[in-house]
Amino acid sequence: MPYVVDFENVSTIGLESSPVAEALAGLRANEARYYKNKYGHVFTVEGADEETGTVAYVSRVLKEERGIVISSRPLEATSFEVGGLRMAYVFYESGLSINVMYGLADGGKRAVGFKLSEGMEIPEELASRFKFARQKSKLAGVIRGSFFVIKGEY
């Protein structure tokens, strides 16, 4: 069942099994606020077991682009189109959030973004490959993030 992410009253619904559930809920709410403010888009998520296509798509891009396989269990996922972009998000039990931004126009921006919830360690599969920059969020505390540009066609 779809869950509309509320960025005014942050909830851990769907993320309770994460050891950093509060921070992950804040990170999810931070994303919801961004899309609402920038595009007027209501950010909804579903359980990863219901959004298997999105989870498989994100996993495929990671594997084919960089040989990355995420070891943490996916909890929630969503995909949508907004502002000429196809977006896909997966939120993992470890506190990791991965998004795939894929510009629909020829030559459009295409990248994979990683965000780490406050309090989680950098996952082993990412630690040696990426540097993570810090940003502060009222909803999520300190978020660490990184990205890479997608070269293939998906």
N, C-alpha and C. Protein backbone atom coordinates (compact mmCIF):
# COMPACT_ATOMS: atom_id res chain seq x y z
N MET A 1 0.84 -1.19 0.00
CA MET A 1 0.00 0.00 0.00
C MET A 1 0.88 1.25 0.00
N PRO A 2 0.65 2.19 -0.89
CA PRO A 2 1.48 3.39 -0.96
C PRO A 2 1.39 4.22 0.34
N TYR A 3 2.52 4.80 0.72
CA TYR A 3 2.59 5.65 1.89
C TYR A 3 3.07 7.03 1.44
N VAL A 4 2.26 8.05 1.70
CA VAL A 4 2.64 9.42 1.39
C VAL A 4 3.57 9.89 2.51
N VAL A 5 4.79 10.26 2.14
CA VAL A 5 5.79 10.67 3.12
C VAL A 5 5.47 12.09 3.60
N ASP A 6 5.26 12.22 4.90
CA ASP A 6 4.94 13.49 5.52
C ASP A 6 6.22 14.11 6.06
N PHE A 7 6.60 15.28 5.55
CA PHE A 7 7.83 15.91 6.00
C PHE A 7 7.59 16.91 7.13
N GLU A 8 6.34 17.07 7.53
CA GLU A 8 6.04 17.93 8.68
C GLU A 8 5.95 17.12 9.96
N ASN A 9 5.40 15.93 9.87
CA ASN A 9 5.31 15.00 11.01
C ASN A 9 6.04 13.72 10.61
N VAL A 10 7.34 13.70 10.80
CA VAL A 10 8.18 12.60 10.33
C VAL A 10 7.83 11.32 11.08
N SER A 11 7.66 10.24 10.32
CA SER A 11 7.29 8.95 10.88
C SER A 11 8.23 7.86 10.38
N THR A 12 8.45 6.86 11.23
CA THR A 12 9.29 5.73 10.86
C THR A 12 8.49 4.60 10.21
N ILE A 13 7.24 4.84 9.86
CA ILE A 13 6.40 3.81 9.24
C ILE A 13 7.15 3.18 8.06
N GLY A 14 7.25 1.86 8.07
CA GLY A 14 7.92 1.11 7.01
C GLY A 14 9.41 0.95 7.20
N LEU A 15 9.98 1.69 8.16
CA LEU A 15 11.43 1.68 8.36
C LEU A 15 11.81 1.16 9.75
N GLU A 16 10.85 0.64 10.49
CA GLU A 16 11.06 0.28 11.89
C GLU A 16 12.18 -0.72 12.12
N SER A 17 12.48 -1.57 11.16
CA SER A 17 13.52 -2.59 11.37
C SER A 17 14.94 -2.03 11.22
N SER A 18 15.07 -0.81 10.77
CA SER A 18 16.40 -0.20 10.61
C SER A 18 16.96 0.21 11.96
N PRO A 19 18.25 -0.06 12.19
CA PRO A 19 18.86 0.39 13.45
C PRO A 19 18.97 1.91 13.55
N VAL A 20 18.81 2.61 12.44
CA VAL A 20 18.82 4.07 12.41
C VAL A 20 17.49 4.58 11.83
N ALA A 21 16.39 3.97 12.27
CA ALA A 21 15.06 4.25 11.71
C ALA A 21 14.70 5.73 11.77
N GLU A 22 14.97 6.38 12.90
CA GLU A 22 14.62 7.81 13.04
C GLU A 22 15.37 8.65 12.00
N ALA A 23 16.67 8.41 11.86
CA ALA A 23 17.48 9.18 10.91
C ALA A 23 17.08 8.86 9.46
N LEU A 24 16.79 7.59 9.18
CA LEU A 24 16.36 7.20 7.84
C LEU A 24 15.01 7.83 7.51
N ALA A 25 14.11 7.90 8.50
CA ALA A 25 12.82 8.56 8.29
C ALA A 25 13.03 10.04 8.00
N GLY A 26 13.98 10.66 8.68
CA GLY A 26 14.30 12.06 8.42
C GLY A 26 14.87 12.25 7.02
N LEU A 27 15.71 11.33 6.59
CA LEU A 27 16.28 11.38 5.24
C LEU A 27 15.18 11.24 4.19
N ARG A 28 14.28 10.30 4.41
CA ARG A 28 13.15 10.10 3.50
C ARG A 28 12.28 11.36 3.46
N ALA A 29 12.02 11.96 4.60
CA ALA A 29 11.22 13.18 4.68
C ALA A 29 11.93 14.35 3.99
N ASN A 30 13.24 14.39 4.09
CA ASN A 30 14.03 15.43 3.43
C ASN A 30 13.85 15.35 1.92
N GLU A 31 13.85 14.14 1.37
CA GLU A 31 13.62 13.94 -0.06
C GLU A 31 12.20 14.37 -0.43
N ALA A 32 11.22 14.01 0.40
CA ALA A 32 9.83 14.38 0.13
C ALA A 32 9.66 15.89 0.10
N ARG A 33 10.29 16.58 1.03
CA ARG A 33 10.20 18.04 1.07
C ARG A 33 10.81 18.66 -0.19
N TYR A 34 11.96 18.14 -0.61
CA TYR A 34 12.62 18.64 -1.82
C TYR A 34 11.70 18.56 -3.03
N TYR A 35 11.11 17.39 -3.28
CA TYR A 35 10.26 17.20 -4.46
C TYR A 35 8.97 18.00 -4.37
N LYS A 36 8.44 18.17 -3.17
CA LYS A 36 7.23 18.98 -3.01
C LYS A 36 7.54 20.44 -3.28
N ASN A 37 8.63 20.95 -2.73
CA ASN A 37 8.98 22.36 -2.90
C ASN A 37 9.43 22.68 -4.33
N LYS A 38 10.22 21.82 -4.94
CA LYS A 38 10.76 22.10 -6.27
C LYS A 38 9.77 21.82 -7.40
N TYR A 39 9.02 20.71 -7.28
CA TYR A 39 8.17 20.27 -8.39
C TYR A 39 6.68 20.17 -8.05
N GLY A 40 6.32 20.33 -6.77
CA GLY A 40 4.93 20.13 -6.38
C GLY A 40 4.55 18.66 -6.37
N HIS A 41 5.54 17.77 -6.36
CA HIS A 41 5.33 16.32 -6.42
C HIS A 41 5.15 15.75 -5.01
N VAL A 42 4.12 14.92 -4.84
CA VAL A 42 3.89 14.24 -3.57
C VAL A 42 4.70 12.94 -3.59
N PHE A 43 5.65 12.82 -2.66
CA PHE A 43 6.58 11.69 -2.60
C PHE A 43 5.91 10.54 -1.86
N THR A 44 5.66 9.45 -2.57
CA THR A 44 5.06 8.26 -1.96
C THR A 44 6.01 7.09 -2.12
N VAL A 45 5.99 6.18 -1.16
CA VAL A 45 6.83 4.99 -1.21
C VAL A 45 5.95 3.76 -0.97
N GLU A 46 6.47 2.62 -1.36
CA GLU A 46 5.82 1.34 -1.08
C GLU A 46 6.87 0.39 -0.54
N GLY A 47 6.41 -0.67 0.10
CA GLY A 47 7.33 -1.69 0.57
C GLY A 47 8.12 -2.24 -0.60
N ALA A 48 9.39 -2.56 -0.36
CA ALA A 48 10.26 -3.06 -1.42
C ALA A 48 9.71 -4.34 -2.06
N ASP A 49 8.99 -5.13 -1.28
CA ASP A 49 8.40 -6.36 -1.82
C ASP A 49 7.26 -6.06 -2.80
N GLU A 50 6.71 -4.85 -2.77
CA GLU A 50 5.67 -4.44 -3.71
C GLU A 50 6.25 -3.66 -4.88
N GLU A 51 7.43 -3.10 -4.70
CA GLU A 51 8.09 -2.29 -5.73
C GLU A 51 9.31 -3.05 -6.28
N THR A 52 9.13 -4.32 -6.59
CA THR A 52 10.25 -5.16 -7.01
C THR A 52 10.89 -4.67 -8.31
N GLY A 53 10.10 -4.08 -9.19
CA GLY A 53 10.64 -3.56 -10.44
C GLY A 53 11.62 -2.42 -10.20
N THR A 54 11.29 -1.53 -9.28
CA THR A 54 12.17 -0.40 -8.96
C THR A 54 13.44 -0.90 -8.29
N VAL A 55 13.31 -1.82 -7.34
CA VAL A 55 14.48 -2.37 -6.67
C VAL A 55 15.39 -3.07 -7.68
N ALA A 56 14.80 -3.83 -8.60
CA ALA A 56 15.59 -4.53 -9.62
C ALA A 56 16.28 -3.54 -10.56
N TYR A 57 15.61 -2.47 -10.93
CA TYR A 57 16.18 -1.44 -11.81
C TYR A 57 17.39 -0.78 -11.15
N VAL A 58 17.24 -0.34 -9.90
CA VAL A 58 18.35 0.29 -9.18
C VAL A 58 19.51 -0.70 -9.04
N SER A 59 19.21 -1.94 -8.69
CA SER A 59 20.26 -2.97 -8.55
C SER A 59 20.98 -3.21 -9.87
N ARG A 60 20.23 -3.23 -10.96
CA ARG A 60 20.82 -3.45 -12.29
C ARG A 60 21.77 -2.32 -12.66
N VAL A 61 21.35 -1.07 -12.45
CA VAL A 61 22.20 0.07 -12.77
C VAL A 61 23.49 0.01 -11.95
N LEU A 62 23.39 -0.26 -10.65
CA LEU A 62 24.58 -0.36 -9.80
C LEU A 62 25.52 -1.46 -10.27
N LYS A 63 24.96 -2.62 -10.57
CA LYS A 63 25.76 -3.78 -10.98
C LYS A 63 26.43 -3.55 -12.33
N GLU A 64 25.66 -3.05 -13.32
CA GLU A 64 26.21 -2.89 -14.66
C GLU A 64 27.17 -1.70 -14.77
N GLU A 65 26.91 -0.64 -14.03
CA GLU A 65 27.76 0.55 -14.12
C GLU A 65 29.06 0.40 -13.31
N ARG A 66 28.96 -0.15 -12.10
CA ARG A 66 30.13 -0.18 -11.20
C ARG A 66 30.38 -1.51 -10.52
N GLY A 67 29.61 -2.55 -10.85
CA GLY A 67 29.81 -3.85 -10.22
C GLY A 67 29.45 -3.85 -8.74
N ILE A 68 28.53 -2.98 -8.34
CA ILE A 68 28.15 -2.85 -6.93
C ILE A 68 26.90 -3.68 -6.65
N VAL A 69 26.97 -4.44 -5.57
CA VAL A 69 25.80 -5.17 -5.06
C VAL A 69 25.62 -4.74 -3.61
N ILE A 70 24.47 -4.19 -3.30
CA ILE A 70 24.18 -3.71 -1.94
C ILE A 70 23.78 -4.90 -1.08
N SER A 71 24.43 -5.04 0.06
CA SER A 71 24.17 -6.20 0.93
C SER A 71 22.98 -5.98 1.87
N SER A 72 22.62 -4.75 2.13
CA SER A 72 21.52 -4.47 3.04
C SER A 72 20.18 -4.77 2.38
N ARG A 73 19.19 -5.09 3.20
CA ARG A 73 17.86 -5.43 2.72
C ARG A 73 17.10 -4.15 2.34
N PRO A 74 16.51 -4.11 1.13
CA PRO A 74 15.69 -2.95 0.77
C PRO A 74 14.39 -2.97 1.57
N LEU A 75 14.01 -1.80 2.10
CA LEU A 75 12.76 -1.70 2.87
C LEU A 75 11.65 -1.05 2.06
N GLU A 76 11.97 0.04 1.37
CA GLU A 76 10.98 0.77 0.60
C GLU A 76 11.56 1.25 -0.71
N ALA A 77 10.67 1.52 -1.66
CA ALA A 77 11.11 2.01 -2.96
C ALA A 77 10.01 2.85 -3.59
N THR A 78 10.42 3.65 -4.56
CA THR A 78 9.47 4.45 -5.33
C THR A 78 10.11 4.81 -6.65
N SER A 79 9.28 5.07 -7.65
CA SER A 79 9.76 5.60 -8.92
C SER A 79 8.69 6.53 -9.47
N PHE A 80 9.14 7.57 -10.17
CA PHE A 80 8.23 8.57 -10.71
C PHE A 80 8.97 9.40 -11.75
N GLU A 81 8.20 10.15 -12.54
CA GLU A 81 8.77 11.09 -13.50
C GLU A 81 8.39 12.50 -13.08
N VAL A 82 9.37 13.39 -13.12
CA VAL A 82 9.15 14.78 -12.75
C VAL A 82 10.22 15.65 -13.40
N GLY A 83 9.81 16.78 -13.96
CA GLY A 83 10.76 17.73 -14.53
C GLY A 83 11.67 17.15 -15.60
N GLY A 84 11.17 16.24 -16.42
CA GLY A 84 11.98 15.63 -17.47
C GLY A 84 12.95 14.56 -16.98
N LEU A 85 12.76 14.12 -15.74
CA LEU A 85 13.63 13.10 -15.14
C LEU A 85 12.80 11.89 -14.73
N ARG A 86 13.38 10.72 -14.91
CA ARG A 86 12.82 9.50 -14.33
C ARG A 86 13.63 9.25 -13.07
N MET A 87 12.95 9.21 -11.93
CA MET A 87 13.61 9.03 -10.64
C MET A 87 13.23 7.67 -10.06
N ALA A 88 14.19 7.03 -9.43
CA ALA A 88 13.94 5.78 -8.71
C ALA A 88 14.69 5.86 -7.39
N TYR A 89 14.03 5.51 -6.32
CA TYR A 89 14.63 5.53 -4.98
C TYR A 89 14.46 4.17 -4.32
N VAL A 90 15.49 3.75 -3.57
CA VAL A 90 15.38 2.60 -2.69
C VAL A 90 15.97 3.00 -1.35
N PHE A 91 15.22 2.71 -0.28
CA PHE A 91 15.66 2.96 1.08
C PHE A 91 15.97 1.61 1.72
N TYR A 92 17.19 1.47 2.26
CA TYR A 92 17.68 0.20 2.77
C TYR A 92 17.69 0.16 4.29
N GLU A 93 17.62 -1.04 4.83
CA GLU A 93 17.58 -1.26 6.28
C GLU A 93 18.79 -0.66 7.00
N SER A 94 19.93 -0.62 6.35
CA SER A 94 21.15 -0.09 6.96
C SER A 94 21.08 1.42 7.21
N GLY A 95 20.15 2.11 6.52
CA GLY A 95 20.07 3.56 6.59
C GLY A 95 20.49 4.23 5.29
N LEU A 96 20.86 3.43 4.31
CA LEU A 96 21.30 3.91 3.00
C LEU A 96 20.08 4.24 2.13
N SER A 97 20.20 5.33 1.39
CA SER A 97 19.21 5.68 0.37
C SER A 97 19.96 5.80 -0.95
N ILE A 98 19.44 5.16 -1.98
CA ILE A 98 20.04 5.25 -3.32
C ILE A 98 18.98 5.76 -4.27
N ASN A 99 19.37 6.75 -5.09
CA ASN A 99 18.46 7.21 -6.13
C ASN A 99 19.15 7.15 -7.48
N VAL A 100 18.37 6.83 -8.48
CA VAL A 100 18.83 6.84 -9.87
C VAL A 100 18.05 7.95 -10.56
N MET A 101 18.78 8.96 -11.03
CA MET A 101 18.20 10.08 -11.77
C MET A 101 18.56 9.86 -13.24
N TYR A 102 17.54 9.79 -14.08
CA TYR A 102 17.76 9.49 -15.49
C TYR A 102 17.02 10.50 -16.34
N GLY A 103 17.75 11.43 -16.93
CA GLY A 103 17.15 12.44 -17.80
C GLY A 103 16.55 11.79 -19.02
N LEU A 104 15.33 12.15 -19.35
CA LEU A 104 14.62 11.53 -20.47
C LEU A 104 15.04 12.10 -21.82
N ALA A 105 15.53 13.32 -21.85
CA ALA A 105 15.98 13.94 -23.10
C ALA A 105 17.38 13.43 -23.46
N ASP A 106 17.69 13.40 -24.76
CA ASP A 106 19.03 13.03 -25.18
C ASP A 106 20.03 13.97 -24.54
N GLY A 107 21.09 13.41 -23.97
CA GLY A 107 22.11 14.21 -23.32
C GLY A 107 21.71 14.74 -21.95
N GLY A 108 20.58 14.27 -21.42
CA GLY A 108 20.11 14.71 -20.11
C GLY A 108 21.00 14.18 -18.99
N LYS A 109 20.85 14.78 -17.81
CA LYS A 109 21.62 14.34 -16.64
C LYS A 109 21.22 12.93 -16.26
N ARG A 110 22.23 12.13 -15.95
CA ARG A 110 21.99 10.74 -15.53
C ARG A 110 23.02 10.39 -14.47
N ALA A 111 22.54 10.07 -13.26
CA ALA A 111 23.47 9.80 -12.17
C ALA A 111 22.81 8.91 -11.12
N VAL A 112 23.67 8.29 -10.32
CA VAL A 112 23.24 7.53 -9.15
C VAL A 112 23.72 8.30 -7.94
N GLY A 113 22.82 8.53 -6.99
CA GLY A 113 23.17 9.23 -5.77
C GLY A 113 23.04 8.31 -4.57
N PHE A 114 23.99 8.46 -3.64
CA PHE A 114 23.97 7.70 -2.39
C PHE A 114 23.83 8.69 -1.25
N LYS A 115 22.97 8.39 -0.30
CA LYS A 115 22.87 9.20 0.92
C LYS A 115 22.88 8.26 2.11
N LEU A 116 23.68 8.62 3.10
CA LEU A 116 23.82 7.82 4.32
C LEU A 116 23.12 8.52 5.47
N SER A 117 22.26 7.81 6.17
CA SER A 117 21.58 8.35 7.34
C SER A 117 22.59 8.60 8.45
N GLU A 118 22.30 9.60 9.27
CA GLU A 118 23.15 9.90 10.41
C GLU A 118 23.21 8.67 11.32
N GLY A 119 24.41 8.32 11.76
CA GLY A 119 24.59 7.21 12.67
C GLY A 119 24.95 5.89 12.02
N MET A 120 24.90 5.81 10.69
CA MET A 120 25.27 4.55 10.03
C MET A 120 26.70 4.62 9.53
N GLU A 121 27.32 3.47 9.43
CA GLU A 121 28.66 3.35 8.87
C GLU A 121 28.54 3.34 7.35
N ILE A 122 29.62 3.73 6.67
CA ILE A 122 29.64 3.63 5.21
C ILE A 122 29.64 2.14 4.86
N PRO A 123 28.70 1.70 4.02
CA PRO A 123 28.66 0.28 3.64
C PRO A 123 29.98 -0.16 3.00
N GLU A 124 30.39 -1.36 3.32
CA GLU A 124 31.65 -1.91 2.82
C GLU A 124 31.74 -1.84 1.29
N GLU A 125 30.61 -2.09 0.61
CA GLU A 125 30.62 -2.11 -0.85
C GLU A 125 30.81 -0.72 -1.46
N LEU A 126 30.71 0.34 -0.64
CA LEU A 126 30.89 1.71 -1.13
C LEU A 126 32.12 2.40 -0.55
N ALA A 127 32.60 1.93 0.59
CA ALA A 127 33.64 2.63 1.36
C ALA A 127 34.90 2.93 0.58
N SER A 128 35.40 1.97 -0.18
CA SER A 128 36.67 2.18 -0.88
C SER A 128 36.49 2.87 -2.24
N ARG A 129 35.26 3.05 -2.69
CA ARG A 129 35.00 3.58 -4.03
C ARG A 129 34.59 5.04 -4.08
N PHE A 130 34.04 5.56 -2.97
CA PHE A 130 33.45 6.89 -2.99
C PHE A 130 33.88 7.71 -1.78
N LYS A 131 33.99 9.00 -1.99
CA LYS A 131 34.16 9.97 -0.91
C LYS A 131 32.78 10.54 -0.65
N PHE A 132 32.46 10.75 0.60
CA PHE A 132 31.14 11.25 0.98
C PHE A 132 31.25 12.66 1.56
N ALA A 133 30.49 13.57 0.97
CA ALA A 133 30.43 14.95 1.46
C ALA A 133 29.29 15.03 2.49
N ARG A 134 29.42 15.97 3.41
CA ARG A 134 28.41 16.15 4.46
C ARG A 134 27.52 17.34 4.14
N GLN A 135 26.25 17.20 4.49
CA GLN A 135 25.32 18.32 4.43
C GLN A 135 24.40 18.21 5.63
N LYS A 136 23.95 19.35 6.12
CA LYS A 136 23.05 19.35 7.26
C LYS A 136 21.62 19.51 6.79
N SER A 137 20.72 18.83 7.48
CA SER A 137 19.30 18.89 7.18
C SER A 137 18.54 19.01 8.49
N LYS A 138 17.55 19.89 8.54
CA LYS A 138 16.72 20.01 9.74
C LYS A 138 15.96 18.71 10.00
N LEU A 139 15.60 18.01 8.93
CA LEU A 139 14.83 16.77 9.08
C LEU A 139 15.70 15.55 9.35
N ALA A 140 16.90 15.53 8.77
CA ALA A 140 17.71 14.30 8.80
C ALA A 140 19.03 14.43 9.55
N GLY A 141 19.32 15.58 10.14
CA GLY A 141 20.60 15.75 10.82
C GLY A 141 21.71 15.90 9.79
N VAL A 142 22.81 15.20 10.00
CA VAL A 142 23.93 15.25 9.06
C VAL A 142 23.78 14.10 8.06
N ILE A 143 23.66 14.46 6.80
CA ILE A 143 23.56 13.48 5.71
C ILE A 143 24.91 13.44 5.02
N ARG A 144 25.41 12.25 4.73
CA ARG A 144 26.61 12.11 3.92
C ARG A 144 26.18 11.60 2.56
N GLY A 145 26.70 12.22 1.50
CA GLY A 145 26.27 11.84 0.18
C GLY A 145 27.40 11.75 -0.82
N SER A 146 27.16 10.98 -1.88
CA SER A 146 28.09 10.84 -2.98
C SER A 146 27.28 10.46 -4.22
N PHE A 147 27.94 10.43 -5.38
CA PHE A 147 27.24 10.07 -6.61
C PHE A 147 28.24 9.62 -7.66
N PHE A 148 27.70 9.04 -8.74
CA PHE A 148 28.49 8.83 -9.94
C PHE A 148 27.59 9.02 -11.15
N VAL A 149 28.20 9.38 -12.27
CA VAL A 149 27.47 9.62 -13.51
C VAL A 149 27.23 8.28 -14.23
N ILE A 150 26.02 8.11 -14.72
CA ILE A 150 25.64 6.90 -15.46
C ILE A 150 26.11 7.06 -16.90
N LYS A 151 26.81 6.06 -17.40
CA LYS A 151 27.32 6.10 -18.77
C LYS A 151 26.47 5.29 -19.74
N GLY A 152 25.81 4.23 -19.23
CA GLY A 152 25.02 3.34 -20.09
C GLY A 152 23.62 3.84 -20.33
N GLU A 153 22.87 3.06 -21.11
CA GLU A 153 21.47 3.35 -21.42
C GLU A 153 20.58 2.39 -20.64
N TYR A 154 19.59 2.95 -19.94
CA TYR A 154 18.69 2.12 -19.14
C TYR A 154 17.25 2.51 -19.37
